[in-house]
Amino acid sequence: MIDGNPNMLKKLIPAETKQIFLPLYLRHPACIKLINSDLIFCGITEATKGFLLEDIPELYSIFFTISGKGLVQVGNKEYVCDTGSVFFSVPGKQRCYFQTGDEVWRYIWFHPKIGEYWHFLSNQDIIVGKFDDVQFLETAMRGFISEVISSDKMFEIDSSQRWRYVDAPNVFESAHSFDIRYTSLERQSLDLALAYSTLILKYLERELRKLVLIDVKSEHLADFERLWNYIRHHISSEWSLDTLAGRMNMSKSSFIRHTKKLYGKSPGNIIQTLRLEHACELLAETDYTVSNIAAYSGYISTATFIALFKKRFGKTPREQRNAFRIKGFHIPQ
């Protein structure tokens, strides 16, 4: 155990190495959104000579190498992380990773946990591949940090998450070293932070789906994505299987088959996830009553909505709203 982390076996971080961690320990709506989507820990590292970490991770690990080179050792195997590569590994396997060569190893990293959002990562092993649009992902991360730290003092710390950051550098000092600036426009910062959290999830999901060889080039994928996007904008409507299949010009059995192939979920599970995510955003951004939020999210029964919400997020809607509310802080309608 090192610095209170039972999974860390060895750690060497030279003074020249720069790191910034997304402050997901804050009870900020954008941070809570990432945590509720099972993205537990992520950041940006610029590792210099001598940088080395050895651990037994409890979470998935994904490294996108922007420049330079690193090496990951897992058992008796070595995996090169060079410019343009992405490395994925599963929990429970002891590994050691370090910077190699003359150039700084600059990479962005993510540690999601096994859960509903990242269900398609189950049954995977170590994978090394190439990424496409990771520059957008890094931009979203930097924007997220900028907007969250702009309202940092308005939000309490979640002690259940803070222990992961016991050895993390100060986020404000790190932001300065990475030339990430902040603003004093708090309301706009909240909206933008939530937008950046969505971009992080979507860009990361797209890269990982391609990496694990899910058929993202399916001829139906673009049509399905348009369908879900349309539903997001009409989430309060009733969406029967007949209606969904009809919009895709498919039989019900074909629609179900393609949905499960592309997303690993049934159509009903996807619709429910979209409804609950919408409800969570309304809880954070409005003062609507729980019964109104249930209706606006497509639920006829408020009791059913509350039960499903608690099953998904581990809290009732009222408890979730209280997590968003900070003393003296009010989000107008």
Protein backbone atom coordinates (compact mmCIF):
# COMPACT_ATOMS: atom_id res chain seq x y z
CA MET A 1 0.00 0.00 0.00
CA ILE A 2 1.28 3.46 -0.96
CA ASP A 3 -0.31 6.79 0.07
CA GLY A 4 -3.35 4.98 1.41
CA ASN A 5 -4.00 3.19 -1.88
CA PRO A 6 -4.17 -0.58 -1.22
CA ASN A 7 -3.72 -1.34 -4.93
CA MET A 8 -0.54 0.70 -5.46
CA LEU A 9 2.68 -1.34 -5.15
CA LYS A 10 5.33 1.09 -6.39
CA LYS A 11 5.33 4.71 -7.44
CA LEU A 12 8.10 6.92 -8.85
CA ILE A 13 6.99 10.33 -10.11
CA PRO A 14 9.83 12.73 -11.00
CA ALA A 15 9.40 16.39 -10.13
CA GLU A 16 9.37 17.26 -13.85
CA THR A 17 6.37 15.03 -14.54
CA LYS A 18 3.09 16.91 -14.93
CA GLN A 19 -0.29 15.42 -14.06
CA ILE A 20 -3.83 16.71 -13.78
CA PHE A 21 -6.76 14.71 -12.43
CA LEU A 22 -10.36 15.54 -13.26
CA PRO A 23 -11.77 16.48 -9.81
CA LEU A 24 -14.53 13.89 -9.72
CA TYR A 25 -14.49 14.00 -5.91
CA LEU A 26 -16.58 17.19 -6.03
CA ARG A 27 -20.35 17.11 -5.66
CA HIS A 28 -20.62 19.08 -8.87
CA PRO A 29 -23.43 17.98 -11.23
CA ALA A 30 -20.95 17.33 -14.06
CA CYS A 31 -18.70 15.26 -11.78
CA ILE A 32 -21.67 13.31 -10.46
CA LYS A 33 -22.76 12.63 -14.04
CA LEU A 34 -19.41 10.97 -14.84
CA ILE A 35 -19.40 9.00 -11.59
CA ASN A 36 -22.98 7.83 -12.18
CA SER A 37 -21.85 6.67 -15.63
CA ASP A 38 -19.19 4.51 -13.93
CA LEU A 39 -16.25 6.68 -15.00
CA ILE A 40 -14.40 6.77 -11.70
CA PHE A 41 -10.98 8.28 -12.32
CA CYS A 42 -9.32 10.04 -15.28
CA GLY A 43 -6.72 12.63 -16.17
CA ILE A 44 -3.79 13.79 -18.29
CA THR A 45 -0.14 12.90 -17.67
CA GLU A 46 3.13 14.12 -19.15
CA ALA A 47 5.59 11.55 -17.85
CA THR A 48 9.34 12.24 -17.86
CA LYS A 49 12.31 9.92 -17.45
CA GLY A 50 12.08 7.88 -14.27
CA PHE A 51 8.26 7.84 -14.16
CA LEU A 52 7.01 4.42 -13.01
CA LEU A 53 3.82 3.03 -11.49
CA GLU A 54 3.15 -0.55 -10.42
CA ASP A 55 -0.26 -1.64 -9.18
CA ILE A 56 -3.05 -4.19 -9.20
CA PRO A 57 -5.96 -2.17 -10.62
CA GLU A 58 -9.52 -2.59 -9.39
CA LEU A 59 -10.85 -0.78 -12.47
CA TYR A 60 -10.49 -0.95 -16.23
CA SER A 61 -7.50 1.02 -17.53
CA ILE A 62 -7.31 2.90 -20.83
CA PHE A 63 -4.25 4.89 -21.97
CA PHE A 64 -4.33 7.04 -25.11
CA THR A 65 -0.77 8.05 -26.04
CA ILE A 66 -0.66 11.54 -27.58
CA SER A 67 3.12 11.66 -28.00
CA GLY A 68 6.28 9.98 -26.74
CA LYS A 69 6.41 6.38 -25.61
CA GLY A 70 5.56 4.27 -22.61
CA LEU A 71 5.82 0.58 -21.83
CA VAL A 72 3.31 -1.56 -19.91
CA GLN A 73 4.39 -4.89 -18.43
CA VAL A 74 1.70 -7.40 -17.49
CA GLY A 75 3.11 -10.71 -16.31
CA ASN A 76 5.79 -11.76 -18.77
CA LYS A 77 4.38 -9.65 -21.62
CA GLU A 78 5.24 -6.11 -22.66
CA TYR A 79 3.02 -3.69 -24.54
CA VAL A 80 4.37 -0.59 -26.26
CA CYS A 81 2.32 2.59 -25.93
CA ASP A 82 3.57 4.92 -28.67
CA THR A 83 2.08 7.92 -30.47
CA GLY A 84 -1.45 7.22 -31.70
CA SER A 85 -1.91 4.01 -29.71
CA VAL A 86 -4.54 3.04 -27.16
CA PHE A 87 -3.96 0.43 -24.46
CA PHE A 88 -6.83 -1.29 -22.63
CA SER A 89 -6.51 -3.66 -19.67
CA VAL A 90 -8.89 -5.32 -17.25
CA PRO A 91 -9.00 -5.20 -13.44
CA GLY A 92 -7.06 -7.59 -11.22
CA LYS A 93 -3.88 -8.08 -13.26
CA GLN A 94 -0.67 -6.75 -11.72
CA ARG A 95 1.07 -4.41 -14.12
CA CYS A 96 3.94 -1.95 -14.25
CA TYR A 97 4.04 1.00 -16.64
CA PHE A 98 6.73 3.57 -17.22
CA GLN A 99 8.10 6.19 -19.63
CA THR A 100 10.74 5.12 -22.17
CA GLY A 101 12.86 6.94 -24.72
CA ASP A 102 13.99 10.57 -24.81
CA GLU A 103 10.61 12.22 -25.35
CA VAL A 104 8.02 12.96 -22.66
CA TRP A 105 5.29 10.30 -22.62
CA ARG A 106 2.11 12.35 -22.92
CA TYR A 107 -1.09 10.38 -22.49
CA ILE A 108 -4.67 10.70 -21.29
CA TRP A 109 -6.06 7.96 -19.11
CA PHE A 110 -9.38 6.65 -17.84
CA HIS A 111 -10.45 4.17 -15.19
CA PRO A 112 -14.11 3.13 -15.60
CA LYS A 113 -15.61 0.35 -13.53
CA ILE A 114 -17.63 -2.64 -14.57
CA GLY A 115 -21.21 -1.45 -14.84
CA GLU A 116 -24.17 -0.82 -17.11
CA TYR A 117 -22.61 2.06 -19.05
CA TRP A 118 -19.48 0.12 -20.02
CA HIS A 119 -21.16 -3.27 -20.33
CA PHE A 120 -19.56 -3.85 -23.75
CA LEU A 121 -16.13 -4.02 -22.09
CA SER A 122 -17.03 -7.17 -20.16
CA ASN A 123 -15.35 -10.40 -21.24
CA GLN A 124 -12.46 -8.45 -22.76
CA ASP A 125 -8.76 -8.88 -22.08
CA ILE A 126 -5.74 -6.71 -22.84
CA ILE A 127 -6.09 -4.90 -26.17
CA VAL A 128 -3.70 -2.58 -27.99
CA GLY A 129 -4.93 -0.59 -30.98
CA LYS A 130 -4.99 2.81 -32.67
CA PHE A 131 -7.29 5.72 -31.94
CA ASP A 132 -8.96 8.16 -34.33
CA ASP A 133 -10.42 11.27 -32.65
CA VAL A 134 -8.73 11.40 -29.26
CA GLN A 135 -7.86 15.09 -29.73
CA PHE A 136 -11.56 15.86 -29.28
CA LEU A 137 -11.56 13.78 -26.11
CA GLU A 138 -8.60 15.68 -24.67
CA THR A 139 -10.23 19.01 -25.57
CA ALA A 140 -13.40 17.94 -23.74
CA MET A 141 -11.35 16.95 -20.68
CA ARG A 142 -9.55 20.29 -20.60
CA GLY A 143 -12.83 22.15 -21.02
CA PHE A 144 -14.41 20.09 -18.25
CA ILE A 145 -11.59 20.95 -15.85
CA SER A 146 -11.75 24.65 -16.73
CA GLU A 147 -15.49 24.93 -16.10
CA VAL A 148 -15.55 22.79 -12.95
CA ILE A 149 -12.72 24.64 -11.20
CA SER A 150 -14.46 27.90 -12.08
CA SER A 151 -17.13 26.97 -9.53
CA ASP A 152 -14.99 24.69 -7.35
CA LYS A 153 -15.66 26.53 -4.08
CA MET A 154 -19.43 26.21 -4.52
CA PHE A 155 -19.45 22.43 -4.22
CA GLU A 156 -18.71 20.09 -1.35
CA ILE A 157 -16.27 17.19 -1.50
CA ASP A 158 -17.58 13.63 -1.77
CA SER A 159 -15.55 11.77 0.84
CA SER A 160 -16.38 8.42 -0.76
CA GLN A 161 -14.38 9.50 -3.84
CA ARG A 162 -11.73 11.76 -2.28
CA TRP A 163 -9.42 8.94 -1.09
CA ARG A 164 -8.49 8.16 -4.70
CA TYR A 165 -6.92 11.61 -4.95
CA VAL A 166 -4.85 11.53 -1.76
CA ASP A 167 -1.62 11.85 -3.75
CA ALA A 168 -3.05 13.91 -6.62
CA PRO A 169 -1.50 17.33 -7.27
CA ASN A 170 -3.55 20.40 -6.46
CA VAL A 171 -6.03 20.85 -9.30
CA PHE A 172 -5.52 24.62 -9.50
CA GLU A 173 -1.74 24.31 -9.64
CA SER A 174 -2.04 21.53 -12.22
CA ALA A 175 -4.45 23.59 -14.31
CA HIS A 176 -1.91 26.43 -14.34
CA SER A 177 0.90 24.09 -15.44
CA PHE A 178 -1.31 22.76 -18.25
CA ASP A 179 -2.37 26.29 -19.22
CA ILE A 180 -6.01 25.55 -18.40
CA ARG A 181 -7.77 28.77 -17.46
CA TYR A 182 -10.96 29.40 -15.56
CA THR A 183 -13.78 31.95 -15.60
CA SER A 184 -15.90 33.68 -12.97
CA LEU A 185 -19.19 33.16 -14.86
CA GLU A 186 -20.58 30.44 -12.61
CA ARG A 187 -23.94 29.75 -14.28
CA GLN A 188 -22.37 29.36 -17.71
CA SER A 189 -19.65 27.19 -16.18
CA LEU A 190 -22.24 24.77 -14.80
CA ASP A 191 -23.94 24.37 -18.18
CA LEU A 192 -20.64 24.00 -20.04
CA ALA A 193 -19.25 21.50 -17.53
CA LEU A 194 -22.34 19.31 -18.02
CA ALA A 195 -21.93 19.59 -21.79
CA TYR A 196 -18.27 18.60 -21.56
CA SER A 197 -19.13 15.62 -19.36
CA THR A 198 -21.45 14.35 -22.10
CA LEU A 199 -18.75 14.83 -24.73
CA ILE A 200 -16.21 12.93 -22.62
CA LEU A 201 -18.56 9.97 -22.25
CA LYS A 202 -19.54 9.89 -25.92
CA TYR A 203 -16.05 10.31 -27.36
CA LEU A 204 -14.62 7.71 -24.97
CA GLU A 205 -17.43 5.25 -25.67
CA ARG A 206 -16.92 5.62 -29.43
CA GLU A 207 -13.18 4.97 -29.19
CA LEU A 208 -13.65 1.96 -26.93
CA ARG A 209 -16.40 0.44 -29.04
CA LYS A 210 -14.08 0.60 -32.04
CA LEU A 211 -11.25 -0.86 -30.00
CA VAL A 212 -13.16 -3.93 -28.84
CA LEU A 213 -14.26 -4.57 -32.42
CA ILE A 214 -17.97 -3.99 -31.94
CA ASP A 215 -19.45 -3.49 -35.37
CA VAL A 216 -19.58 0.31 -35.32
CA LYS A 217 -19.44 0.33 -39.13
CA SER A 218 -22.71 -1.50 -39.33
CA GLU A 219 -24.91 -0.11 -42.07
CA HIS A 220 -27.58 0.49 -39.42
CA LEU A 221 -25.49 2.30 -36.80
CA ALA A 222 -25.99 5.85 -38.10
CA ASP A 223 -29.75 5.25 -38.33
CA PHE A 224 -29.85 3.93 -34.76
CA GLU A 225 -27.88 6.92 -33.45
CA ARG A 226 -30.30 9.28 -35.18
CA LEU A 227 -33.19 7.39 -33.60
CA TRP A 228 -31.80 7.68 -30.04
CA ASN A 229 -31.02 11.35 -30.59
CA TYR A 230 -34.59 11.95 -31.77
CA ILE A 231 -35.93 10.14 -28.72
CA ARG A 232 -33.77 12.31 -26.42
CA HIS A 233 -35.59 15.34 -27.81
CA HIS A 234 -39.01 13.67 -27.42
CA ILE A 235 -38.29 11.72 -24.25
CA SER A 236 -41.70 12.34 -22.67
CA SER A 237 -43.47 10.47 -25.48
CA GLU A 238 -44.50 6.84 -25.32
CA TRP A 239 -42.07 4.66 -27.25
CA SER A 240 -43.50 1.24 -27.95
CA LEU A 241 -41.54 -1.48 -29.71
CA ASP A 242 -43.89 -1.18 -32.69
CA THR A 243 -43.16 2.57 -32.95
CA LEU A 244 -39.38 2.10 -32.64
CA ALA A 245 -39.22 -0.68 -35.21
CA GLY A 246 -41.50 1.28 -37.53
CA ARG A 247 -39.23 4.33 -37.47
CA MET A 248 -36.34 2.06 -38.51
CA ASN A 249 -38.41 0.26 -41.17
CA MET A 250 -37.68 -3.06 -39.50
CA SER A 251 -39.69 -5.89 -38.08
CA LYS A 252 -39.76 -6.02 -34.29
CA SER A 253 -37.55 -9.11 -34.18
CA SER A 254 -35.00 -7.55 -36.56
CA PHE A 255 -34.98 -4.30 -34.57
CA ILE A 256 -34.33 -6.16 -31.31
CA ARG A 257 -31.57 -8.24 -32.91
CA HIS A 258 -29.73 -5.24 -34.34
CA THR A 259 -30.09 -3.26 -31.11
CA LYS A 260 -28.56 -6.03 -29.04
CA LYS A 261 -25.78 -6.54 -31.59
CA LEU A 262 -24.78 -2.87 -31.59
CA TYR A 263 -25.40 -1.92 -27.96
CA GLY A 264 -25.57 -5.12 -25.95
CA LYS A 265 -28.93 -4.03 -24.53
CA SER A 266 -32.60 -4.44 -25.30
CA PRO A 267 -34.50 -1.45 -26.77
CA GLY A 268 -36.44 -1.14 -23.52
CA ASN A 269 -33.25 -0.88 -21.46
CA ILE A 270 -31.90 1.84 -23.74
CA ILE A 271 -35.12 3.88 -23.55
CA GLN A 272 -35.15 3.56 -19.78
CA THR A 273 -31.53 4.72 -19.56
CA LEU A 274 -32.31 7.75 -21.72
CA ARG A 275 -35.32 8.63 -19.58
CA LEU A 276 -33.40 8.36 -16.30
CA GLU A 277 -30.43 10.35 -17.63
CA HIS A 278 -32.85 13.09 -18.70
CA ALA A 279 -34.47 13.05 -15.28
CA CYS A 280 -31.09 13.36 -13.60
CA GLU A 281 -30.28 16.42 -15.68
CA LEU A 282 -33.62 18.02 -14.77
CA LEU A 283 -32.93 17.41 -11.09
CA ALA A 284 -29.61 19.20 -11.42
CA GLU A 285 -30.73 22.05 -13.64
CA THR A 286 -34.31 22.88 -12.56
CA ASP A 287 -36.58 23.18 -9.53
CA TYR A 288 -39.36 21.07 -11.08
CA THR A 289 -41.18 18.76 -8.67
CA VAL A 290 -40.32 15.06 -8.74
CA SER A 291 -43.75 14.25 -10.17
CA ASN A 292 -43.27 16.78 -12.98
CA ILE A 293 -39.80 15.43 -13.74
CA ALA A 294 -41.26 11.92 -13.89
CA ALA A 295 -43.86 13.12 -16.43
CA TYR A 296 -41.34 15.12 -18.47
CA SER A 297 -39.14 12.01 -18.62
CA GLY A 298 -41.95 9.81 -19.91
CA TYR A 299 -43.18 8.08 -16.74
CA ILE A 300 -46.91 7.85 -16.02
CA SER A 301 -46.38 6.66 -12.44
CA THR A 302 -44.20 8.76 -10.12
CA ALA A 303 -43.77 5.77 -7.81
CA THR A 304 -42.43 3.66 -10.68
CA PHE A 305 -40.09 6.46 -11.66
CA ILE A 306 -38.72 6.79 -8.11
CA ALA A 307 -38.15 3.02 -7.83
CA LEU A 308 -36.34 2.81 -11.19
CA PHE A 309 -34.30 5.93 -10.43
CA LYS A 310 -33.11 4.55 -7.10
CA LYS A 311 -32.23 1.21 -8.68
CA ARG A 312 -30.13 2.97 -11.35
CA PHE A 313 -28.39 5.66 -9.24
CA GLY A 314 -28.59 4.28 -5.70
CA LYS A 315 -30.53 7.33 -4.49
CA THR A 316 -34.07 8.61 -4.68
CA PRO A 317 -34.65 11.62 -6.95
CA ARG A 318 -34.97 13.85 -3.88
CA GLU A 319 -31.68 12.53 -2.46
CA GLN A 320 -29.99 13.05 -5.81
CA ARG A 321 -31.26 16.64 -5.98
CA ASN A 322 -29.98 17.27 -2.46
CA ALA A 323 -26.55 16.10 -3.62
CA PHE A 324 -26.71 18.84 -6.28
CA ARG A 325 -27.86 21.51 -3.88
CA ILE A 326 -25.21 23.33 -1.94
CA LYS A 327 -25.99 25.71 0.86
CA GLY A 328 -26.67 29.12 -0.63
CA PHE A 329 -26.61 27.77 -4.21
CA HIS A 330 -29.75 27.88 -6.34
CA ILE A 331 -30.23 26.91 -9.97
CA PRO A 332 -33.11 28.95 -11.45
CA GLN A 333 -35.60 27.46 -13.88
